[in-house]
Amino acid sequence: MSFMSIEFSNPVVIFDDNQACIQSFEKSEQKKLKHVDIQYQFVKDIKFKGDIDVKFVESKEQIADILTKGVSAVLFTKFRERLGLVQIK
């Protein structure tokens, strides 16, 4: 896969905590998703080409939440450490 002049030899892994979203990638056609725009079709196409791999992760382990949601102090510290960030005093 090549994106913005960056070459990837392995599929890019996307961790998602939405099982319905993950299941929609596994099915070739879903009538309920006819309203979904071209961005979804683009992502679905690169998934089937093997450029990305979508895997389930439990919500309590979703590190991206530190960037998108207000999380408890305990989760914030846990996710910060897993990202390799340090607290500056």
N, C-alpha and C. Protein backbone atom coordinates (compact mmCIF):
# COMPACT_ATOMS: atom_id res chain seq x y z
N MET A 1 0.84 -1.17 0.00
CA MET A 1 0.00 0.00 0.00
C MET A 1 0.89 1.23 0.00
N SER A 2 0.49 2.23 -0.75
CA SER A 2 1.21 3.49 -0.79
C SER A 2 0.22 4.61 -0.51
N PHE A 3 0.58 5.46 0.43
CA PHE A 3 -0.28 6.59 0.77
C PHE A 3 0.61 7.79 1.06
N MET A 4 0.40 8.86 0.32
CA MET A 4 1.18 10.08 0.51
C MET A 4 2.68 9.78 0.46
N SER A 5 3.08 8.97 -0.50
CA SER A 5 4.48 8.60 -0.72
C SER A 5 5.08 7.79 0.42
N ILE A 6 4.24 7.19 1.24
CA ILE A 6 4.71 6.31 2.31
C ILE A 6 4.33 4.89 1.93
N GLU A 7 5.31 4.01 1.93
CA GLU A 7 5.07 2.61 1.57
C GLU A 7 4.83 1.78 2.83
N PHE A 8 3.81 0.93 2.78
CA PHE A 8 3.51 0.01 3.87
C PHE A 8 3.62 -1.40 3.33
N SER A 9 4.40 -2.25 3.99
CA SER A 9 4.54 -3.62 3.51
C SER A 9 3.48 -4.54 4.12
N ASN A 10 2.98 -4.20 5.28
CA ASN A 10 1.95 -4.98 5.95
C ASN A 10 0.66 -4.17 6.02
N PRO A 11 -0.46 -4.84 6.21
CA PRO A 11 -1.70 -4.08 6.37
C PRO A 11 -1.64 -3.17 7.61
N VAL A 12 -2.22 -2.01 7.50
CA VAL A 12 -2.34 -1.10 8.64
C VAL A 12 -3.48 -1.62 9.50
N VAL A 13 -3.23 -1.83 10.79
CA VAL A 13 -4.25 -2.38 11.68
C VAL A 13 -5.02 -1.23 12.31
N ILE A 14 -6.35 -1.31 12.20
CA ILE A 14 -7.24 -0.33 12.82
C ILE A 14 -7.99 -1.06 13.92
N PHE A 15 -7.86 -0.56 15.14
CA PHE A 15 -8.55 -1.16 16.28
C PHE A 15 -9.84 -0.39 16.52
N ASP A 16 -10.95 -1.10 16.50
CA ASP A 16 -12.27 -0.47 16.61
C ASP A 16 -13.05 -1.15 17.73
N ASP A 17 -13.79 -0.36 18.51
CA ASP A 17 -14.61 -0.93 19.57
C ASP A 17 -16.08 -1.03 19.17
N ASN A 18 -16.37 -0.86 17.89
CA ASN A 18 -17.73 -0.93 17.38
C ASN A 18 -17.88 -2.21 16.56
N GLN A 19 -18.50 -3.23 17.17
CA GLN A 19 -18.62 -4.52 16.49
C GLN A 19 -19.49 -4.46 15.25
N ALA A 20 -20.52 -3.62 15.25
CA ALA A 20 -21.37 -3.49 14.07
C ALA A 20 -20.58 -2.94 12.88
N CYS A 21 -19.69 -2.02 13.16
CA CYS A 21 -18.83 -1.46 12.11
C CYS A 21 -17.91 -2.54 11.55
N ILE A 22 -17.31 -3.31 12.43
CA ILE A 22 -16.40 -4.37 11.99
C ILE A 22 -17.14 -5.41 11.16
N GLN A 23 -18.34 -5.79 11.60
CA GLN A 23 -19.13 -6.78 10.86
C GLN A 23 -19.54 -6.27 9.49
N SER A 24 -19.74 -4.97 9.36
CA SER A 24 -20.13 -4.42 8.06
C SER A 24 -19.02 -4.58 7.03
N PHE A 25 -17.77 -4.66 7.49
CA PHE A 25 -16.66 -4.88 6.57
C PHE A 25 -16.60 -6.33 6.10
N GLU A 26 -17.13 -7.24 6.90
CA GLU A 26 -17.04 -8.66 6.58
C GLU A 26 -18.08 -9.09 5.55
N LYS A 27 -19.15 -8.35 5.42
CA LYS A 27 -20.21 -8.72 4.50
C LYS A 27 -20.04 -7.96 3.19
N SER A 28 -20.27 -8.65 2.10
CA SER A 28 -20.04 -8.03 0.79
C SER A 28 -21.10 -6.98 0.45
N GLU A 29 -22.30 -7.15 0.91
CA GLU A 29 -23.36 -6.20 0.57
C GLU A 29 -24.36 -6.14 1.72
N GLN A 30 -24.73 -4.95 2.12
CA GLN A 30 -25.75 -4.79 3.16
C GLN A 30 -26.73 -3.74 2.72
N LYS A 31 -27.99 -4.10 2.66
CA LYS A 31 -29.03 -3.17 2.22
C LYS A 31 -29.17 -2.01 3.18
N LYS A 32 -28.93 -2.23 4.46
CA LYS A 32 -29.07 -1.16 5.45
C LYS A 32 -28.02 -0.07 5.27
N LEU A 33 -26.96 -0.36 4.52
CA LEU A 33 -25.87 0.60 4.37
C LEU A 33 -25.90 1.33 3.03
N LYS A 34 -27.01 1.26 2.31
CA LYS A 34 -27.08 1.92 1.01
C LYS A 34 -26.91 3.43 1.11
N HIS A 35 -27.29 4.01 2.25
CA HIS A 35 -27.21 5.45 2.42
C HIS A 35 -25.80 5.93 2.75
N VAL A 36 -24.91 5.02 3.06
CA VAL A 36 -23.56 5.40 3.46
C VAL A 36 -22.80 5.92 2.25
N ASP A 37 -22.04 6.97 2.44
CA ASP A 37 -21.39 7.66 1.32
C ASP A 37 -20.14 6.96 0.81
N ILE A 38 -19.50 7.59 -0.11
CA ILE A 38 -18.35 7.02 -0.82
C ILE A 38 -17.15 6.79 0.08
N GLN A 39 -17.05 7.53 1.18
CA GLN A 39 -15.92 7.32 2.10
C GLN A 39 -15.95 5.90 2.67
N TYR A 40 -17.15 5.41 2.99
CA TYR A 40 -17.28 4.05 3.51
C TYR A 40 -16.85 3.06 2.43
N GLN A 41 -17.29 3.28 1.20
CA GLN A 41 -16.93 2.36 0.12
C GLN A 41 -15.42 2.34 -0.11
N PHE A 42 -14.77 3.50 0.02
CA PHE A 42 -13.32 3.58 -0.13
C PHE A 42 -12.63 2.72 0.93
N VAL A 43 -13.06 2.87 2.18
CA VAL A 43 -12.45 2.11 3.28
C VAL A 43 -12.72 0.62 3.08
N LYS A 44 -13.93 0.28 2.68
CA LYS A 44 -14.27 -1.12 2.45
C LYS A 44 -13.42 -1.70 1.33
N ASP A 45 -13.19 -0.94 0.26
CA ASP A 45 -12.36 -1.41 -0.85
C ASP A 45 -10.92 -1.68 -0.41
N ILE A 46 -10.33 -0.76 0.38
CA ILE A 46 -8.95 -0.99 0.80
C ILE A 46 -8.86 -2.12 1.82
N LYS A 47 -9.94 -2.36 2.55
CA LYS A 47 -9.98 -3.52 3.46
C LYS A 47 -9.93 -4.81 2.64
N PHE A 48 -10.74 -4.90 1.59
CA PHE A 48 -10.78 -6.12 0.78
C PHE A 48 -9.50 -6.31 -0.03
N LYS A 49 -8.79 -5.23 -0.35
CA LYS A 49 -7.51 -5.34 -1.04
C LYS A 49 -6.41 -5.80 -0.10
N GLY A 50 -6.68 -5.77 1.21
CA GLY A 50 -5.68 -6.21 2.18
C GLY A 50 -4.77 -5.10 2.66
N ASP A 51 -5.10 -3.85 2.34
CA ASP A 51 -4.27 -2.73 2.77
C ASP A 51 -4.49 -2.37 4.24
N ILE A 52 -5.69 -2.67 4.76
CA ILE A 52 -5.96 -2.43 6.18
C ILE A 52 -6.57 -3.68 6.78
N ASP A 53 -6.47 -3.81 8.08
CA ASP A 53 -7.07 -4.91 8.81
C ASP A 53 -7.79 -4.29 10.01
N VAL A 54 -9.07 -4.57 10.15
CA VAL A 54 -9.86 -3.99 11.23
C VAL A 54 -10.04 -5.06 12.30
N LYS A 55 -9.62 -4.73 13.52
CA LYS A 55 -9.69 -5.68 14.64
C LYS A 55 -10.48 -5.06 15.78
N PHE A 56 -11.16 -5.94 16.53
CA PHE A 56 -11.95 -5.49 17.67
C PHE A 56 -11.06 -5.27 18.88
N VAL A 57 -11.35 -4.20 19.60
CA VAL A 57 -10.71 -3.93 20.89
C VAL A 57 -11.82 -3.46 21.83
N GLU A 58 -11.81 -3.93 23.06
CA GLU A 58 -12.84 -3.52 24.01
C GLU A 58 -12.73 -2.02 24.28
N SER A 59 -13.87 -1.42 24.58
CA SER A 59 -13.90 0.03 24.82
C SER A 59 -12.95 0.45 25.94
N LYS A 60 -12.83 -0.37 26.97
CA LYS A 60 -11.96 0.00 28.10
C LYS A 60 -10.48 -0.07 27.73
N GLU A 61 -10.17 -0.66 26.55
CA GLU A 61 -8.78 -0.75 26.09
C GLU A 61 -8.51 0.14 24.88
N GLN A 62 -9.47 0.95 24.48
CA GLN A 62 -9.36 1.79 23.28
C GLN A 62 -8.50 3.02 23.60
N ILE A 63 -7.22 2.93 23.29
CA ILE A 63 -6.27 4.00 23.62
C ILE A 63 -6.64 5.32 22.96
N ALA A 64 -7.24 5.26 21.78
CA ALA A 64 -7.59 6.49 21.06
C ALA A 64 -8.56 7.37 21.86
N ASP A 65 -9.28 6.78 22.80
CA ASP A 65 -10.22 7.56 23.60
C ASP A 65 -9.55 8.69 24.37
N ILE A 66 -8.27 8.56 24.67
CA ILE A 66 -7.56 9.63 25.38
C ILE A 66 -7.54 10.92 24.54
N LEU A 67 -7.64 10.76 23.21
CA LEU A 67 -7.61 11.90 22.31
C LEU A 67 -8.99 12.41 21.91
N THR A 68 -10.03 11.60 22.15
CA THR A 68 -11.34 11.96 21.63
C THR A 68 -12.43 12.10 22.69
N LYS A 69 -12.17 11.63 23.90
CA LYS A 69 -13.21 11.65 24.94
C LYS A 69 -12.62 12.09 26.27
N GLY A 70 -13.50 12.49 27.14
CA GLY A 70 -13.09 12.74 28.51
C GLY A 70 -13.04 11.41 29.23
N VAL A 71 -11.88 10.99 29.67
CA VAL A 71 -11.74 9.71 30.37
C VAL A 71 -11.34 9.96 31.81
N SER A 72 -11.56 8.97 32.64
CA SER A 72 -11.21 9.10 34.06
C SER A 72 -9.70 9.27 34.22
N ALA A 73 -9.30 9.75 35.37
CA ALA A 73 -7.87 9.96 35.64
C ALA A 73 -7.10 8.65 35.55
N VAL A 74 -7.73 7.58 36.01
CA VAL A 74 -7.07 6.26 35.97
C VAL A 74 -6.84 5.83 34.53
N LEU A 75 -7.88 5.94 33.68
CA LEU A 75 -7.73 5.57 32.27
C LEU A 75 -6.76 6.52 31.56
N PHE A 76 -6.83 7.80 31.89
CA PHE A 76 -5.92 8.76 31.27
C PHE A 76 -4.47 8.38 31.52
N THR A 77 -4.16 8.06 32.78
CA THR A 77 -2.79 7.67 33.14
C THR A 77 -2.40 6.38 32.43
N LYS A 78 -3.30 5.41 32.41
CA LYS A 78 -3.02 4.12 31.77
C LYS A 78 -2.75 4.31 30.27
N PHE A 79 -3.61 5.06 29.59
CA PHE A 79 -3.44 5.27 28.15
C PHE A 79 -2.20 6.11 27.85
N ARG A 80 -1.95 7.10 28.69
CA ARG A 80 -0.77 7.95 28.50
C ARG A 80 0.50 7.11 28.57
N GLU A 81 0.56 6.23 29.54
CA GLU A 81 1.73 5.36 29.69
C GLU A 81 1.86 4.40 28.51
N ARG A 82 0.74 3.85 28.03
CA ARG A 82 0.78 2.92 26.90
C ARG A 82 1.19 3.62 25.62
N LEU A 83 0.95 4.92 25.54
CA LEU A 83 1.40 5.69 24.38
C LEU A 83 2.87 6.09 24.50
N GLY A 84 3.44 5.87 25.68
CA GLY A 84 4.85 6.21 25.87
C GLY A 84 5.06 7.68 26.20
N LEU A 85 4.01 8.34 26.68
CA LEU A 85 4.11 9.76 27.04
C LEU A 85 4.44 9.89 28.52
N VAL A 86 5.08 10.97 28.89
CA VAL A 86 5.43 11.20 30.27
C VAL A 86 4.81 12.51 30.75
N GLN A 87 4.57 12.59 32.04
CA GLN A 87 4.04 13.80 32.63
C GLN A 87 5.17 14.78 32.88
N ILE A 88 4.99 16.02 32.47
CA ILE A 88 5.99 17.07 32.70
C ILE A 88 5.53 17.88 33.90
N LYS A 89 6.43 18.01 34.88
CA LYS A 89 6.06 18.76 36.10
C LYS A 89 6.74 20.10 36.11
